[in-house]
Amino acid sequence: MDITRAQEILQASERITVEMNGVPVWIDSVDRQGNKVKVHAESNPADTRTVSVEELDEVH
């Protein structure tokens, strides 16, 4: 995924499924300068991490 698409997903009104290593995650914030995103696992909202945007996949 690229940083622009991550920002679009974050701002979207509808739910767009995103996975990291096959695990569904929510995008919490986008750092355009660092090309990073803060995410949390859908199953564990307390498990937040900052990762490279390339680690995310949009599920169609």
PDB file of N, CA and C in Angstrom:
ATOM      1  N   MET A   1       0.850  -1.162   0.000  1.00  0.00           N
ATOM      2  CA  MET A   1       0.000   0.000   0.000  1.00  0.00           C
ATOM      3  C   MET A   1       0.898   1.228   0.000  1.00  0.00           C
ATOM      4  N   ASP A   2       0.388   2.327  -0.541  1.00  0.00           N
ATOM      5  CA  ASP A   2       1.159   3.566  -0.478  1.00  0.00           C
ATOM      6  C   ASP A   2       0.522   4.531   0.515  1.00  0.00           C
ATOM      7  N   ILE A   3       1.256   5.558   0.865  1.00  0.00           N
ATOM      8  CA  ILE A   3       0.841   6.476   1.932  1.00  0.00           C
ATOM      9  C   ILE A   3      -0.430   7.239   1.573  1.00  0.00           C
ATOM     10  N   THR A   4      -0.607   7.560   0.293  1.00  0.00           N
ATOM     11  CA  THR A   4      -1.815   8.276  -0.132  1.00  0.00           C
ATOM     12  C   THR A   4      -3.049   7.408   0.069  1.00  0.00           C
ATOM     13  N   ARG A   5      -2.955   6.131  -0.286  1.00  0.00           N
ATOM     14  CA  ARG A   5      -4.098   5.224  -0.108  1.00  0.00           C
ATOM     15  C   ARG A   5      -4.387   5.008   1.375  1.00  0.00           C
ATOM     16  N   ALA A   6      -3.366   4.919   2.190  1.00  0.00           N
ATOM     17  CA  ALA A   6      -3.568   4.773   3.632  1.00  0.00           C
ATOM     18  C   ALA A   6      -4.336   5.975   4.181  1.00  0.00           C
ATOM     19  N   GLN A   7      -4.002   7.180   3.723  1.00  0.00           N
ATOM     20  CA  GLN A   7      -4.696   8.392   4.161  1.00  0.00           C
ATOM     21  C   GLN A   7      -6.151   8.364   3.699  1.00  0.00           C
ATOM     22  N   GLU A   8      -6.396   7.926   2.471  1.00  0.00           N
ATOM     23  CA  GLU A   8      -7.766   7.825   1.955  1.00  0.00           C
ATOM     24  C   GLU A   8      -8.590   6.848   2.785  1.00  0.00           C
ATOM     25  N   ILE A   9      -8.003   5.715   3.133  1.00  0.00           N
ATOM     26  CA  ILE A   9      -8.708   4.717   3.945  1.00  0.00           C
ATOM     27  C   ILE A   9      -9.013   5.275   5.324  1.00  0.00           C
ATOM     28  N   LEU A  10      -8.066   5.975   5.920  1.00  0.00           N
ATOM     29  CA  LEU A  10      -8.275   6.575   7.240  1.00  0.00           C
ATOM     30  C   LEU A  10      -9.447   7.552   7.219  1.00  0.00           C
ATOM     31  N   GLN A  11      -9.591   8.303   6.153  1.00  0.00           N
ATOM     32  CA  GLN A  11     -10.624   9.338   6.054  1.00  0.00           C
ATOM     33  C   GLN A  11     -11.940   8.829   5.466  1.00  0.00           C
ATOM     34  N   ALA A  12     -11.978   7.609   4.985  1.00  0.00           N
ATOM     35  CA  ALA A  12     -13.173   7.068   4.338  1.00  0.00           C
ATOM     36  C   ALA A  12     -14.321   6.897   5.335  1.00  0.00           C
ATOM     37  N   SER A  13     -15.522   7.153   4.862  1.00  0.00           N
ATOM     38  CA  SER A  13     -16.700   6.973   5.720  1.00  0.00           C
ATOM     39  C   SER A  13     -17.127   5.513   5.777  1.00  0.00           C
ATOM     40  N   GLU A  14     -16.803   4.747   4.747  1.00  0.00           N
ATOM     41  CA  GLU A  14     -17.147   3.330   4.756  1.00  0.00           C
ATOM     42  C   GLU A  14     -15.962   2.511   5.280  1.00  0.00           C
ATOM     43  N   ARG A  15     -16.259   1.293   5.689  1.00  0.00           N
ATOM     44  CA  ARG A  15     -15.210   0.407   6.210  1.00  0.00           C
ATOM     45  C   ARG A  15     -14.460  -0.218   5.047  1.00  0.00           C
ATOM     46  N   ILE A  16     -13.152  -0.093   5.067  1.00  0.00           N
ATOM     47  CA  ILE A  16     -12.281  -0.702   4.069  1.00  0.00           C
ATOM     48  C   ILE A  16     -11.355  -1.648   4.821  1.00  0.00           C
ATOM     49  N   THR A  17     -11.370  -2.914   4.417  1.00  0.00           N
ATOM     50  CA  THR A  17     -10.595  -3.921   5.116  1.00  0.00           C
ATOM     51  C   THR A  17      -9.118  -3.806   4.764  1.00  0.00           C
ATOM     52  N   VAL A  18      -8.295  -3.741   5.812  1.00  0.00           N
ATOM     53  CA  VAL A  18      -6.844  -3.657   5.663  1.00  0.00           C
ATOM     54  C   VAL A  18      -6.233  -4.752   6.532  1.00  0.00           C
ATOM     55  N   GLU A  19      -5.205  -5.404   6.001  1.00  0.00           N
ATOM     56  CA  GLU A  19      -4.510  -6.441   6.763  1.00  0.00           C
ATOM     57  C   GLU A  19      -3.019  -6.168   6.815  1.00  0.00           C
ATOM     58  N   MET A  20      -2.415  -6.636   7.891  1.00  0.00           N
ATOM     59  CA  MET A  20      -0.963  -6.625   8.041  1.00  0.00           C
ATOM     60  C   MET A  20      -0.562  -8.054   8.390  1.00  0.00           C
ATOM     61  N   ASN A  21       0.195  -8.690   7.524  1.00  0.00           N
ATOM     62  CA  ASN A  21       0.597 -10.093   7.723  1.00  0.00           C
ATOM     63  C   ASN A  21      -0.613 -11.009   7.909  1.00  0.00           C
ATOM     64  N   GLY A  22      -1.693 -10.732   7.168  1.00  0.00           N
ATOM     65  CA  GLY A  22      -2.890 -11.556   7.224  1.00  0.00           C
ATOM     66  C   GLY A  22      -3.817 -11.265   8.386  1.00  0.00           C
ATOM     67  N   VAL A  23      -3.470 -10.290   9.229  1.00  0.00           N
ATOM     68  CA  VAL A  23      -4.285  -9.939  10.399  1.00  0.00           C
ATOM     69  C   VAL A  23      -5.028  -8.634  10.111  1.00  0.00           C
ATOM     70  N   PRO A  24      -6.363  -8.614  10.265  1.00  0.00           N
ATOM     71  CA  PRO A  24      -7.115  -7.375  10.036  1.00  0.00           C
ATOM     72  C   PRO A  24      -6.703  -6.291  11.039  1.00  0.00           C
ATOM     73  N   VAL A  25      -6.442  -5.086  10.520  1.00  0.00           N
ATOM     74  CA  VAL A  25      -6.043  -3.955  11.366  1.00  0.00           C
ATOM     75  C   VAL A  25      -6.834  -2.706  10.986  1.00  0.00           C
ATOM     76  N   TRP A  26      -6.875  -1.768  11.928  1.00  0.00           N
ATOM     77  CA  TRP A  26      -7.438  -0.437  11.702  1.00  0.00           C
ATOM     78  C   TRP A  26      -6.277   0.547  11.627  1.00  0.00           C
ATOM     79  N   ILE A  27      -6.366   1.499  10.719  1.00  0.00           N
ATOM     80  CA  ILE A  27      -5.373   2.560  10.633  1.00  0.00           C
ATOM     81  C   ILE A  27      -5.805   3.673  11.583  1.00  0.00           C
ATOM     82  N   ASP A  28      -4.937   4.015  12.529  1.00  0.00           N
ATOM     83  CA  ASP A  28      -5.239   5.066  13.512  1.00  0.00           C
ATOM     84  C   ASP A  28      -4.708   6.420  13.078  1.00  0.00           C
ATOM     85  N   SER A  29      -3.536   6.442  12.446  1.00  0.00           N
ATOM     86  CA  SER A  29      -2.956   7.703  11.990  1.00  0.00           C
ATOM     87  C   SER A  29      -1.936   7.421  10.895  1.00  0.00           C
ATOM     88  N   VAL A  30      -1.642   8.483  10.130  1.00  0.00           N
ATOM     89  CA  VAL A  30      -0.717   8.384   9.007  1.00  0.00           C
ATOM     90  C   VAL A  30       0.360   9.446   9.165  1.00  0.00           C
ATOM     91  N   ASP A  31       1.617   9.027   9.047  1.00  0.00           N
ATOM     92  CA  ASP A  31       2.759   9.945   9.082  1.00  0.00           C
ATOM     93  C   ASP A  31       3.335  10.008   7.665  1.00  0.00           C
ATOM     94  N   ARG A  32       2.901  11.026   6.898  1.00  0.00           N
ATOM     95  CA  ARG A  32       3.309  11.143   5.510  1.00  0.00           C
ATOM     96  C   ARG A  32       4.818  11.345   5.366  1.00  0.00           C
ATOM     97  N   GLN A  33       5.413  12.107   6.241  1.00  0.00           N
ATOM     98  CA  GLN A  33       6.853  12.375   6.137  1.00  0.00           C
ATOM     99  C   GLN A  33       7.675  11.118   6.390  1.00  0.00           C
ATOM    100  N   GLY A  34       7.275  10.331   7.364  1.00  0.00           N
ATOM    101  CA  GLY A  34       8.013   9.121   7.708  1.00  0.00           C
ATOM    102  C   GLY A  34       7.577   7.893   6.935  1.00  0.00           C
ATOM    103  N   ASN A  35       6.489   8.043   6.133  1.00  0.00           N
ATOM    104  CA  ASN A  35       5.932   6.930   5.363  1.00  0.00           C
ATOM    105  C   ASN A  35       5.529   5.780   6.292  1.00  0.00           C
ATOM    106  N   LYS A  36       4.991   6.156   7.464  1.00  0.00           N
ATOM    107  CA  LYS A  36       4.595   5.189   8.485  1.00  0.00           C
ATOM    108  C   LYS A  36       3.119   5.360   8.822  1.00  0.00           C
ATOM    109  N   VAL A  37       2.538   4.315   9.363  1.00  0.00           N
ATOM    110  CA  VAL A  37       1.156   4.361   9.837  1.00  0.00           C
ATOM    111  C   VAL A  37       1.091   3.746  11.227  1.00  0.00           C
ATOM    112  N   LYS A  38       0.189   4.254  12.041  1.00  0.00           N
ATOM    113  CA  LYS A  38      -0.070   3.664  13.353  1.00  0.00           C
ATOM    114  C   LYS A  38      -1.332   2.833  13.194  1.00  0.00           C
ATOM    115  N   VAL A  39      -1.252   1.568  13.575  1.00  0.00           N
ATOM    116  CA  VAL A  39      -2.378   0.649  13.427  1.00  0.00           C
ATOM    117  C   VAL A  39      -2.626  -0.108  14.722  1.00  0.00           C
ATOM    118  N   HIS A  40      -3.821  -0.688  14.805  1.00  0.00           N
ATOM    119  CA  HIS A  40      -4.100  -1.639  15.888  1.00  0.00           C
ATOM    120  C   HIS A  40      -4.870  -2.814  15.306  1.00  0.00           C
ATOM    121  N   ALA A  41      -4.665  -3.977  15.893  1.00  0.00           N
ATOM    122  CA  ALA A  41      -5.373  -5.181  15.459  1.00  0.00           C
ATOM    123  C   ALA A  41      -6.843  -5.041  15.806  1.00  0.00           C
ATOM    124  N   GLU A  42      -7.713  -5.443  14.884  1.00  0.00           N
ATOM    125  CA  GLU A  42      -9.154  -5.373  15.149  1.00  0.00           C
ATOM    126  C   GLU A  42      -9.517  -6.161  16.397  1.00  0.00           C
ATOM    127  N   SER A  43      -8.861  -7.284  16.598  1.00  0.00           N
ATOM    128  CA  SER A  43      -9.189  -8.150  17.725  1.00  0.00           C
ATOM    129  C   SER A  43      -8.589  -7.677  19.047  1.00  0.00           C
ATOM    130  N   ASN A  44      -7.664  -6.700  18.973  1.00  0.00           N
ATOM    131  CA  ASN A  44      -6.999  -6.236  20.193  1.00  0.00           C
ATOM    132  C   ASN A  44      -6.655  -4.755  20.050  1.00  0.00           C
ATOM    133  N   PRO A  45      -7.611  -3.853  20.305  1.00  0.00           N
ATOM    134  CA  PRO A  45      -7.375  -2.417  20.123  1.00  0.00           C
ATOM    135  C   PRO A  45      -6.222  -1.855  20.950  1.00  0.00           C
ATOM    136  N   ALA A  46      -5.839  -2.522  22.026  1.00  0.00           N
ATOM    137  CA  ALA A  46      -4.737  -2.038  22.856  1.00  0.00           C
ATOM    138  C   ALA A  46      -3.378  -2.331  22.214  1.00  0.00           C
ATOM    139  N   ASP A  47      -3.363  -3.220  21.231  1.00  0.00           N
ATOM    140  CA  ASP A  47      -2.112  -3.613  20.571  1.00  0.00           C
ATOM    141  C   ASP A  47      -1.838  -2.666  19.401  1.00  0.00           C
ATOM    142  N   THR A  48      -1.300  -1.489  19.702  1.00  0.00           N
ATOM    143  CA  THR A  48      -0.997  -0.523  18.646  1.00  0.00           C
ATOM    144  C   THR A  48       0.476  -0.601  18.283  1.00  0.00           C
ATOM    145  N   ARG A  49       0.750  -0.351  17.010  1.00  0.00           N
ATOM    146  CA  ARG A  49       2.138  -0.303  16.560  1.00  0.00           C
ATOM    147  C   ARG A  49       2.268   0.639  15.377  1.00  0.00           C
ATOM    148  N   THR A  50       3.460   1.156  15.216  1.00  0.00           N
ATOM    149  CA  THR A  50       3.780   2.010  14.083  1.00  0.00           C
ATOM    150  C   THR A  50       4.618   1.190  13.123  1.00  0.00           C
ATOM    151  N   VAL A  51       4.141   1.115  11.869  1.00  0.00           N
ATOM    152  CA  VAL A  51       4.786   0.266  10.876  1.00  0.00           C
ATOM    153  C   VAL A  51       4.930   1.017   9.560  1.00  0.00           C
ATOM    154  N   SER A  52       5.768   0.494   8.700  1.00  0.00           N
ATOM    155  CA  SER A  52       5.904   1.038   7.349  1.00  0.00           C
ATOM    156  C   SER A  52       4.610   0.783   6.584  1.00  0.00           C
ATOM    157  N   VAL A  53       4.187   1.755   5.812  1.00  0.00           N
ATOM    158  CA  VAL A  53       2.932   1.630   5.066  1.00  0.00           C
ATOM    159  C   VAL A  53       2.967   0.451   4.090  1.00  0.00           C
ATOM    160  N   GLU A  54       4.154   0.068   3.645  1.00  0.00           N
ATOM    161  CA  GLU A  54       4.283  -1.055   2.710  1.00  0.00           C
ATOM    162  C   GLU A  54       3.891  -2.394   3.331  1.00  0.00           C
ATOM    163  N   GLU A  55       3.806  -2.445   4.668  1.00  0.00           N
ATOM    164  CA  GLU A  55       3.422  -3.682   5.342  1.00  0.00           C
ATOM    165  C   GLU A  55       1.919  -3.942   5.295  1.00  0.00           C
ATOM    166  N   LEU A  56       1.150  -2.959   4.838  1.00  0.00           N
ATOM    167  CA  LEU A  56      -0.307  -3.076   4.818  1.00  0.00           C
ATOM    168  C   LEU A  56      -0.811  -3.513   3.443  1.00  0.00           C
ATOM    169  N   ASP A  57      -1.899  -4.285   3.456  1.00  0.00           N
ATOM    170  CA  ASP A  57      -2.555  -4.719   2.231  1.00  0.00           C
ATOM    171  C   ASP A  57      -4.039  -4.419   2.335  1.00  0.00           C
ATOM    172  N   GLU A  58      -4.586  -3.818   1.290  1.00  0.00           N
ATOM    173  CA  GLU A  58      -6.024  -3.597   1.209  1.00  0.00           C
ATOM    174  C   GLU A  58      -6.660  -4.884   0.703  1.00  0.00           C
ATOM    175  N   VAL A  59      -7.721  -5.328   1.371  1.00  0.00           N
ATOM    176  CA  VAL A  59      -8.414  -6.563   0.994  1.00  0.00           C
ATOM    177  C   VAL A  59      -9.643  -6.185   0.168  1.00  0.00           C
ATOM    178  N   HIS A  60      -9.736  -6.782  -1.011  1.00  0.00           N
ATOM    179  CA  HIS A  60     -10.867  -6.466  -1.906  1.00  0.00           C
ATOM    180  C   HIS A  60     -11.891  -7.569  -1.876  1.00  0.00           C
TER     181      HIS A  60
END
